[in-house]
Amino acid sequence: MLQTIEGIYRNGKIELTEMPQGITESRVFVTFLETKSTTWSEMIMQHQGVAESIIFESYRDELLPPNEIEF
């Protein structure tokens, strides 16, 4: 049975976030993922959002209730 467990490679050792269930010894393959920056990009930090639009409010009374699906 295959199991995937997250871990961190640090100082020449792999630290697992949890212990594998039911495995005392096994071959393993280790894949090193690209390290991504944990900081937000400047463009995201400066984004002010978009202005709210109420153009659909004028249609509120014209909307029909959703059709119920009969099984």
PDB file of N, CA and C in Angstrom:
ATOM      1  N   MET A   1       0.847  -1.174   0.000  1.00  0.00           N
ATOM      2  CA  MET A   1       0.000   0.000   0.000  1.00  0.00           C
ATOM      3  C   MET A   1       0.894   1.239   0.000  1.00  0.00           C
ATOM      4  N   LEU A   2       0.548   2.215  -0.814  1.00  0.00           N
ATOM      5  CA  LEU A   2       1.315   3.455  -0.875  1.00  0.00           C
ATOM      6  C   LEU A   2       0.757   4.465   0.113  1.00  0.00           C
ATOM      7  N   GLN A   3       1.640   5.197   0.752  1.00  0.00           N
ATOM      8  CA  GLN A   3       1.242   6.281   1.647  1.00  0.00           C
ATOM      9  C   GLN A   3       2.082   7.497   1.305  1.00  0.00           C
ATOM     10  N   THR A   4       1.482   8.650   1.354  1.00  0.00           N
ATOM     11  CA  THR A   4       2.200   9.901   1.156  1.00  0.00           C
ATOM     12  C   THR A   4       2.140  10.685   2.449  1.00  0.00           C
ATOM     13  N   ILE A   5       3.303  11.104   2.912  1.00  0.00           N
ATOM     14  CA  ILE A   5       3.382  11.860   4.158  1.00  0.00           C
ATOM     15  C   ILE A   5       4.252  13.081   3.912  1.00  0.00           C
ATOM     16  N   GLU A   6       3.788  14.213   4.362  1.00  0.00           N
ATOM     17  CA  GLU A   6       4.534  15.452   4.205  1.00  0.00           C
ATOM     18  C   GLU A   6       5.686  15.502   5.202  1.00  0.00           C
ATOM     19  N   GLY A   7       6.733  16.156   4.811  1.00  0.00           N
ATOM     20  CA  GLY A   7       7.872  16.326   5.700  1.00  0.00           C
ATOM     21  C   GLY A   7       8.701  17.519   5.263  1.00  0.00           C
ATOM     22  N   ILE A   8       9.735  17.810   6.032  1.00  0.00           N
ATOM     23  CA  ILE A   8      10.632  18.921   5.723  1.00  0.00           C
ATOM     24  C   ILE A   8      12.058  18.401   5.788  1.00  0.00           C
ATOM     25  N   TYR A   9      12.839  18.714   4.757  1.00  0.00           N
ATOM     26  CA  TYR A   9      14.250  18.367   4.741  1.00  0.00           C
ATOM     27  C   TYR A   9      15.006  19.529   5.362  1.00  0.00           C
ATOM     28  N   ARG A  10      15.733  19.255   6.438  1.00  0.00           N
ATOM     29  CA  ARG A  10      16.439  20.318   7.156  1.00  0.00           C
ATOM     30  C   ARG A  10      17.707  19.728   7.768  1.00  0.00           C
ATOM     31  N   ASN A  11      18.825  20.377   7.526  1.00  0.00           N
ATOM     32  CA  ASN A  11      20.111  19.962   8.101  1.00  0.00           C
ATOM     33  C   ASN A  11      20.442  18.497   7.813  1.00  0.00           C
ATOM     34  N   GLY A  12      20.172  18.063   6.582  1.00  0.00           N
ATOM     35  CA  GLY A  12      20.523  16.706   6.186  1.00  0.00           C
ATOM     36  C   GLY A  12      19.578  15.619   6.652  1.00  0.00           C
ATOM     37  N   LYS A  13      18.463  15.998   7.274  1.00  0.00           N
ATOM     38  CA  LYS A  13      17.497  15.013   7.771  1.00  0.00           C
ATOM     39  C   LYS A  13      16.099  15.357   7.278  1.00  0.00           C
ATOM     40  N   ILE A  14      15.264  14.331   7.173  1.00  0.00           N
ATOM     41  CA  ILE A  14      13.867  14.532   6.797  1.00  0.00           C
ATOM     42  C   ILE A  14      13.019  14.395   8.048  1.00  0.00           C
ATOM     43  N   GLU A  15      12.281  15.439   8.371  1.00  0.00           N
ATOM     44  CA  GLU A  15      11.385  15.432   9.528  1.00  0.00           C
ATOM     45  C   GLU A  15       9.961  15.252   9.016  1.00  0.00           C
ATOM     46  N   LEU A  16       9.324  14.134   9.370  1.00  0.00           N
ATOM     47  CA  LEU A  16       7.961  13.855   8.925  1.00  0.00           C
ATOM     48  C   LEU A  16       6.959  14.581   9.816  1.00  0.00           C
ATOM     49  N   THR A  17       5.858  15.044   9.210  1.00  0.00           N
ATOM     50  CA  THR A  17       4.823  15.725   9.988  1.00  0.00           C
ATOM     51  C   THR A  17       3.941  14.741  10.741  1.00  0.00           C
ATOM     52  N   GLU A  18       3.958  13.459  10.333  1.00  0.00           N
ATOM     53  CA  GLU A  18       3.207  12.414  11.033  1.00  0.00           C
ATOM     54  C   GLU A  18       3.898  11.080  10.798  1.00  0.00           C
ATOM     55  N   MET A  19       3.618  10.126  11.629  1.00  0.00           N
ATOM     56  CA  MET A  19       4.206   8.797  11.480  1.00  0.00           C
ATOM     57  C   MET A  19       3.353   7.966  10.524  1.00  0.00           C
ATOM     58  N   PRO A  20       3.990   7.199   9.616  1.00  0.00           N
ATOM     59  CA  PRO A  20       3.218   6.346   8.716  1.00  0.00           C
ATOM     60  C   PRO A  20       2.510   5.242   9.500  1.00  0.00           C
ATOM     61  N   GLN A  21       1.294   4.937   9.101  1.00  0.00           N
ATOM     62  CA  GLN A  21       0.489   3.929   9.791  1.00  0.00           C
ATOM     63  C   GLN A  21       0.809   2.532   9.260  1.00  0.00           C
ATOM     64  N   GLY A  22       1.136   1.617  10.155  1.00  0.00           N
ATOM     65  CA  GLY A  22       1.327   0.218   9.787  1.00  0.00           C
ATOM     66  C   GLY A  22       2.612  -0.083   9.037  1.00  0.00           C
ATOM     67  N   ILE A  23       3.576   0.828   9.036  1.00  0.00           N
ATOM     68  CA  ILE A  23       4.834   0.599   8.326  1.00  0.00           C
ATOM     69  C   ILE A  23       5.982   0.727   9.317  1.00  0.00           C
ATOM     70  N   THR A  24       6.765  -0.350   9.432  1.00  0.00           N
ATOM     71  CA  THR A  24       7.935  -0.289  10.313  1.00  0.00           C
ATOM     72  C   THR A  24       9.222  -0.162   9.512  1.00  0.00           C
ATOM     73  N   GLU A  25       9.203  -0.668   8.262  1.00  0.00           N
ATOM     74  CA  GLU A  25      10.366  -0.553   7.387  1.00  0.00           C
ATOM     75  C   GLU A  25       9.884  -0.614   5.951  1.00  0.00           C
ATOM     76  N   SER A  26      10.436   0.241   5.092  1.00  0.00           N
ATOM     77  CA  SER A  26       9.996   0.270   3.702  1.00  0.00           C
ATOM     78  C   SER A  26      10.982   1.076   2.864  1.00  0.00           C
ATOM     79  N   ARG A  27      11.046   0.757   1.584  1.00  0.00           N
ATOM     80  CA  ARG A  27      11.778   1.612   0.645  1.00  0.00           C
ATOM     81  C   ARG A  27      10.974   2.885   0.462  1.00  0.00           C
ATOM     82  N   VAL A  28      11.658   3.979   0.200  1.00  0.00           N
ATOM     83  CA  VAL A  28      10.966   5.252  -0.016  1.00  0.00           C
ATOM     84  C   VAL A  28      11.587   5.977  -1.199  1.00  0.00           C
ATOM     85  N   PHE A  29      10.806   6.852  -1.803  1.00  0.00           N
ATOM     86  CA  PHE A  29      11.283   7.784  -2.813  1.00  0.00           C
ATOM     87  C   PHE A  29      11.052   9.173  -2.246  1.00  0.00           C
ATOM     88  N   VAL A  30      12.044  10.012  -2.320  1.00  0.00           N
ATOM     89  CA  VAL A  30      11.926  11.368  -1.789  1.00  0.00           C
ATOM     90  C   VAL A  30      11.953  12.339  -2.960  1.00  0.00           C
ATOM     91  N   THR A  31      10.960  13.200  -3.051  1.00  0.00           N
ATOM     92  CA  THR A  31      10.888  14.226  -4.085  1.00  0.00           C
ATOM     93  C   THR A  31      11.007  15.581  -3.411  1.00  0.00           C
ATOM     94  N   PHE A  32      11.966  16.368  -3.844  1.00  0.00           N
ATOM     95  CA  PHE A  32      12.144  17.695  -3.262  1.00  0.00           C
ATOM     96  C   PHE A  32      11.345  18.704  -4.076  1.00  0.00           C
ATOM     97  N   LEU A  33      10.426  19.381  -3.420  1.00  0.00           N
ATOM     98  CA  LEU A  33       9.596  20.376  -4.078  1.00  0.00           C
ATOM     99  C   LEU A  33      10.301  21.720  -4.086  1.00  0.00           C
ATOM    100  N   GLU A  34      10.003  22.510  -5.106  1.00  0.00           N
ATOM    101  CA  GLU A  34      10.597  23.840  -5.212  1.00  0.00           C
ATOM    102  C   GLU A  34      10.155  24.703  -4.033  1.00  0.00           C
ATOM    103  N   THR A  35      11.091  25.401  -3.454  1.00  0.00           N
ATOM    104  CA  THR A  35      10.770  26.281  -2.334  1.00  0.00           C
ATOM    105  C   THR A  35      10.162  27.560  -2.875  1.00  0.00           C
ATOM    106  N   LYS A  36       8.967  27.870  -2.418  1.00  0.00           N
ATOM    107  CA  LYS A  36       8.268  29.078  -2.862  1.00  0.00           C
ATOM    108  C   LYS A  36       8.383  30.144  -1.787  1.00  0.00           C
ATOM    109  N   SER A  37       8.387  31.374  -2.223  1.00  0.00           N
ATOM    110  CA  SER A  37       8.423  32.490  -1.285  1.00  0.00           C
ATOM    111  C   SER A  37       7.118  32.539  -0.505  1.00  0.00           C
ATOM    112  N   THR A  38       7.198  32.788   0.785  1.00  0.00           N
ATOM    113  CA  THR A  38       5.993  32.853   1.609  1.00  0.00           C
ATOM    114  C   THR A  38       5.489  34.275   1.776  1.00  0.00           C
ATOM    115  N   THR A  39       6.085  35.216   1.051  1.00  0.00           N
ATOM    116  CA  THR A  39       5.628  36.604   1.144  1.00  0.00           C
ATOM    117  C   THR A  39       4.723  36.912  -0.039  1.00  0.00           C
ATOM    118  N   TRP A  40       3.787  37.793   0.184  1.00  0.00           N
ATOM    119  CA  TRP A  40       2.880  38.205  -0.877  1.00  0.00           C
ATOM    120  C   TRP A  40       3.627  39.121  -1.836  1.00  0.00           C
ATOM    121  N   SER A  41       3.316  39.010  -3.121  1.00  0.00           N
ATOM    122  CA  SER A  41       3.960  39.888  -4.089  1.00  0.00           C
ATOM    123  C   SER A  41       3.489  41.326  -3.866  1.00  0.00           C
ATOM    124  N   GLU A  42       4.302  42.251  -4.289  1.00  0.00           N
ATOM    125  CA  GLU A  42       3.993  43.675  -4.099  1.00  0.00           C
ATOM    126  C   GLU A  42       2.678  44.046  -4.783  1.00  0.00           C
ATOM    127  N   MET A  43       2.396  43.427  -5.950  1.00  0.00           N
ATOM    128  CA  MET A  43       1.164  43.727  -6.677  1.00  0.00           C
ATOM    129  C   MET A  43      -0.064  43.335  -5.855  1.00  0.00           C
ATOM    130  N   ILE A  44      -0.012  42.195  -5.191  1.00  0.00           N
ATOM    131  CA  ILE A  44      -1.140  41.750  -4.367  1.00  0.00           C
ATOM    132  C   ILE A  44      -1.303  42.653  -3.154  1.00  0.00           C
ATOM    133  N   MET A  45      -0.195  43.029  -2.544  1.00  0.00           N
ATOM    134  CA  MET A  45      -0.252  43.866  -1.346  1.00  0.00           C
ATOM    135  C   MET A  45      -0.832  45.246  -1.634  1.00  0.00           C
ATOM    136  N   GLN A  46      -0.668  45.746  -2.861  1.00  0.00           N
ATOM    137  CA  GLN A  46      -1.152  47.079  -3.201  1.00  0.00           C
ATOM    138  C   GLN A  46      -2.559  47.070  -3.780  1.00  0.00           C
ATOM    139  N   HIS A  47      -3.119  45.888  -4.056  1.00  0.00           N
ATOM    140  CA  HIS A  47      -4.447  45.802  -4.672  1.00  0.00           C
ATOM    141  C   HIS A  47      -5.506  46.367  -3.730  1.00  0.00           C
ATOM    142  N   GLN A  48      -6.326  47.264  -4.237  1.00  0.00           N
ATOM    143  CA  GLN A  48      -7.354  47.924  -3.433  1.00  0.00           C
ATOM    144  C   GLN A  48      -8.734  47.311  -3.639  1.00  0.00           C
ATOM    145  N   GLY A  49      -8.833  46.301  -4.485  1.00  0.00           N
ATOM    146  CA  GLY A  49     -10.136  45.693  -4.753  1.00  0.00           C
ATOM    147  C   GLY A  49     -10.822  46.394  -5.913  1.00  0.00           C
ATOM    148  N   VAL A  50     -12.056  46.027  -6.165  1.00  0.00           N
ATOM    149  CA  VAL A  50     -12.827  46.648  -7.240  1.00  0.00           C
ATOM    150  C   VAL A  50     -14.060  47.295  -6.641  1.00  0.00           C
ATOM    151  N   ALA A  51     -14.530  48.306  -7.316  1.00  0.00           N
ATOM    152  CA  ALA A  51     -15.729  48.994  -6.839  1.00  0.00           C
ATOM    153  C   ALA A  51     -16.924  48.053  -6.933  1.00  0.00           C
ATOM    154  N   GLU A  52     -17.783  48.092  -5.943  1.00  0.00           N
ATOM    155  CA  GLU A  52     -18.973  47.250  -5.975  1.00  0.00           C
ATOM    156  C   GLU A  52     -19.947  47.788  -7.007  1.00  0.00           C
ATOM    157  N   SER A  53     -20.663  46.880  -7.620  1.00  0.00           N
ATOM    158  CA  SER A  53     -21.619  47.263  -8.650  1.00  0.00           C
ATOM    159  C   SER A  53     -23.004  46.778  -8.241  1.00  0.00           C
ATOM    160  N   ILE A  54     -23.976  47.640  -8.344  1.00  0.00           N
ATOM    161  CA  ILE A  54     -25.339  47.256  -7.970  1.00  0.00           C
ATOM    162  C   ILE A  54     -26.257  47.192  -9.182  1.00  0.00           C
ATOM    163  N   ILE A  55     -25.667  46.989 -10.377  1.00  0.00           N
ATOM    164  CA  ILE A  55     -26.502  46.970 -11.577  1.00  0.00           C
ATOM    165  C   ILE A  55     -27.513  45.836 -11.553  1.00  0.00           C
ATOM    166  N   PHE A  56     -27.241  44.750 -10.827  1.00  0.00           N
ATOM    167  CA  PHE A  56     -28.173  43.632 -10.792  1.00  0.00           C
ATOM    168  C   PHE A  56     -29.301  43.850  -9.794  1.00  0.00           C
ATOM    169  N   GLU A  57     -29.156  44.788  -8.890  1.00  0.00           N
ATOM    170  CA  GLU A  57     -30.196  45.049  -7.901  1.00  0.00           C
ATOM    171  C   GLU A  57     -31.514  45.433  -8.562  1.00  0.00           C
ATOM    172  N   SER A  58     -31.477  46.102  -9.706  1.00  0.00           N
ATOM    173  CA  SER A  58     -32.713  46.522 -10.360  1.00  0.00           C
ATOM    174  C   SER A  58     -33.511  45.325 -10.880  1.00  0.00           C
ATOM    175  N   TYR A  59     -32.891  44.162 -11.022  1.00  0.00           N
ATOM    176  CA  TYR A  59     -33.576  42.971 -11.517  1.00  0.00           C
ATOM    177  C   TYR A  59     -34.047  42.058 -10.390  1.00  0.00           C
ATOM    178  N   ARG A  60     -33.835  42.444  -9.145  1.00  0.00           N
ATOM    179  CA  ARG A  60     -34.138  41.574  -8.017  1.00  0.00           C
ATOM    180  C   ARG A  60     -35.572  41.049  -8.052  1.00  0.00           C
ATOM    181  N   ASP A  61     -36.561  41.897  -8.345  1.00  0.00           N
ATOM    182  CA  ASP A  61     -37.965  41.470  -8.346  1.00  0.00           C
ATOM    183  C   ASP A  61     -38.318  40.609  -9.552  1.00  0.00           C
ATOM    184  N   GLU A  62     -37.493  40.621 -10.579  1.00  0.00           N
ATOM    185  CA  GLU A  62     -37.779  39.849 -11.783  1.00  0.00           C
ATOM    186  C   GLU A  62     -37.187  38.440 -11.730  1.00  0.00           C
ATOM    187  N   LEU A  63     -36.348  38.173 -10.767  1.00  0.00           N
ATOM    188  CA  LEU A  63     -35.713  36.862 -10.687  1.00  0.00           C
ATOM    189  C   LEU A  63     -36.712  35.804 -10.257  1.00  0.00           C
ATOM    190  N   LEU A  64     -36.628  34.645 -10.879  1.00  0.00           N
ATOM    191  CA  LEU A  64     -37.507  33.537 -10.545  1.00  0.00           C
ATOM    192  C   LEU A  64     -36.819  32.639  -9.517  1.00  0.00           C
ATOM    193  N   PRO A  65     -37.583  32.013  -8.636  1.00  0.00           N
ATOM    194  CA  PRO A  65     -36.970  31.084  -7.688  1.00  0.00           C
ATOM    195  C   PRO A  65     -36.420  29.870  -8.437  1.00  0.00           C
ATOM    196  N   PRO A  66     -35.427  29.205  -7.900  1.00  0.00           N
ATOM    197  CA  PRO A  66     -34.859  28.035  -8.582  1.00  0.00           C
ATOM    198  C   PRO A  66     -35.871  26.903  -8.654  1.00  0.00           C
ATOM    199  N   ASN A  67     -35.783  26.131  -9.722  1.00  0.00           N
ATOM    200  CA  ASN A  67     -36.659  24.972  -9.882  1.00  0.00           C
ATOM    201  C   ASN A  67     -36.158  23.838  -9.003  1.00  0.00           C
ATOM    202  N   GLU A  68     -37.074  23.216  -8.280  1.00  0.00           N
ATOM    203  CA  GLU A  68     -36.717  22.070  -7.455  1.00  0.00           C
ATOM    204  C   GLU A  68     -36.587  20.845  -8.348  1.00  0.00           C
ATOM    205  N   ILE A  69     -35.572  20.051  -8.113  1.00  0.00           N
ATOM    206  CA  ILE A  69     -35.378  18.823  -8.882  1.00  0.00           C
ATOM    207  C   ILE A  69     -36.116  17.703  -8.170  1.00  0.00           C
ATOM    208  N   GLU A  70     -37.000  17.028  -8.905  1.00  0.00           N
ATOM    209  CA  GLU A  70     -37.764  15.930  -8.324  1.00  0.00           C
ATOM    210  C   GLU A  70     -37.086  14.614  -8.663  1.00  0.00           C
ATOM    211  N   PHE A  71     -36.921  13.768  -7.659  1.00  0.00           N
ATOM    212  CA  PHE A  71     -36.303  12.459  -7.870  1.00  0.00           C
ATOM    213  C   PHE A  71     -37.344  11.392  -7.939  1.00  0.00           C
TER     214      PHE A  71
END
